[in-house]
Each structure stands twice: as C-alpha cells, then as structure tokens.
Protein backbone atom coordinates (compact mmCIF):
# COMPACT_ATOMS: atom_id res chain seq x y z
CA MET A 1 9.48 -6.91 17.05
CA ARG A 2 8.81 -5.39 20.46
CA LEU A 3 12.41 -6.10 21.39
CA LEU A 4 13.67 -3.99 18.49
CA ARG A 5 11.40 -1.09 19.45
CA LEU A 6 12.64 -1.27 23.05
CA ALA A 7 16.26 -1.36 21.91
CA VAL A 8 15.81 1.70 19.70
CA GLU A 9 13.89 3.67 22.33
CA THR A 10 16.61 3.06 24.91
CA GLN A 11 19.31 3.62 22.26
CA ASN A 12 20.82 0.22 22.95
CA TRP A 13 22.34 -0.19 19.49
CA ASP A 14 24.06 -3.52 20.20
CA LEU A 15 20.73 -5.09 21.14
CA ALA A 16 19.05 -3.53 18.11
CA ALA A 17 21.70 -4.92 15.77
CA HIS A 18 21.53 -8.39 17.31
CA THR A 19 17.74 -8.35 17.05
CA ILE A 20 17.89 -7.49 13.36
CA VAL A 21 20.45 -10.22 12.69
CA LEU A 22 18.41 -12.79 14.61
CA ALA A 23 15.21 -11.88 12.76
CA THR A 24 17.00 -12.10 9.41
CA ALA A 25 18.47 -15.51 10.28
CA ILE A 26 15.05 -16.85 11.26
CA ILE A 27 13.50 -15.58 8.03
CA LEU A 28 16.26 -17.07 5.89
CA LYS A 29 16.13 -20.40 7.73
CA ASN A 30 12.36 -20.79 7.28
CA ARG A 31 12.23 -19.32 3.79
CA VAL A 32 10.74 -21.32 0.99
CA ARG A 33 10.83 -20.21 -2.60
CA PRO A 34 7.89 -17.82 -2.89
CA ASN A 35 7.27 -18.62 -6.56
CA ALA A 36 7.67 -22.39 -6.30
CA LYS A 37 3.92 -23.10 -6.25
CA ARG A 38 3.22 -20.63 -9.02
CA LYS A 39 5.85 -22.18 -11.32
CA ALA A 40 4.66 -25.70 -10.55
CA ARG A 41 1.12 -24.77 -11.60
CA LYS A 42 2.33 -23.32 -14.89
CA ARG A 43 4.25 -26.48 -15.78
CA SER A 44 1.38 -28.85 -15.02
CA PRO A 45 -0.59 -30.05 -18.05
CA LYS A 46 -4.12 -28.78 -18.52
CA GLY A 47 -7.08 -31.11 -18.48
C-alpha cells in the first residue's frame, strides 16, 4: 500500500481512489469463503 500512502501525501486523490478500487478488486477476485473450512469440519462425522 505504498502507492496509496504516496497518493495521499501528494494529495493526488484520483490516484488514491484508483488504488483503493484496484486493491478491493484484487481482494474480491482472490477471496475464498473464510468459514468454508470451519463448516466442512463441523459437518464431517466423528470417528
């Protein structure tokens, strides 16, 4: 996030906004369900 810090320090708001949007898109693209493993373990039979 060095790019975002640089954009804010230089008050380049267009660059800051684009950086935030890009970071959000990357997170959403690579996102897996955080509770998927936890739910799978609960459903598995014991023993």
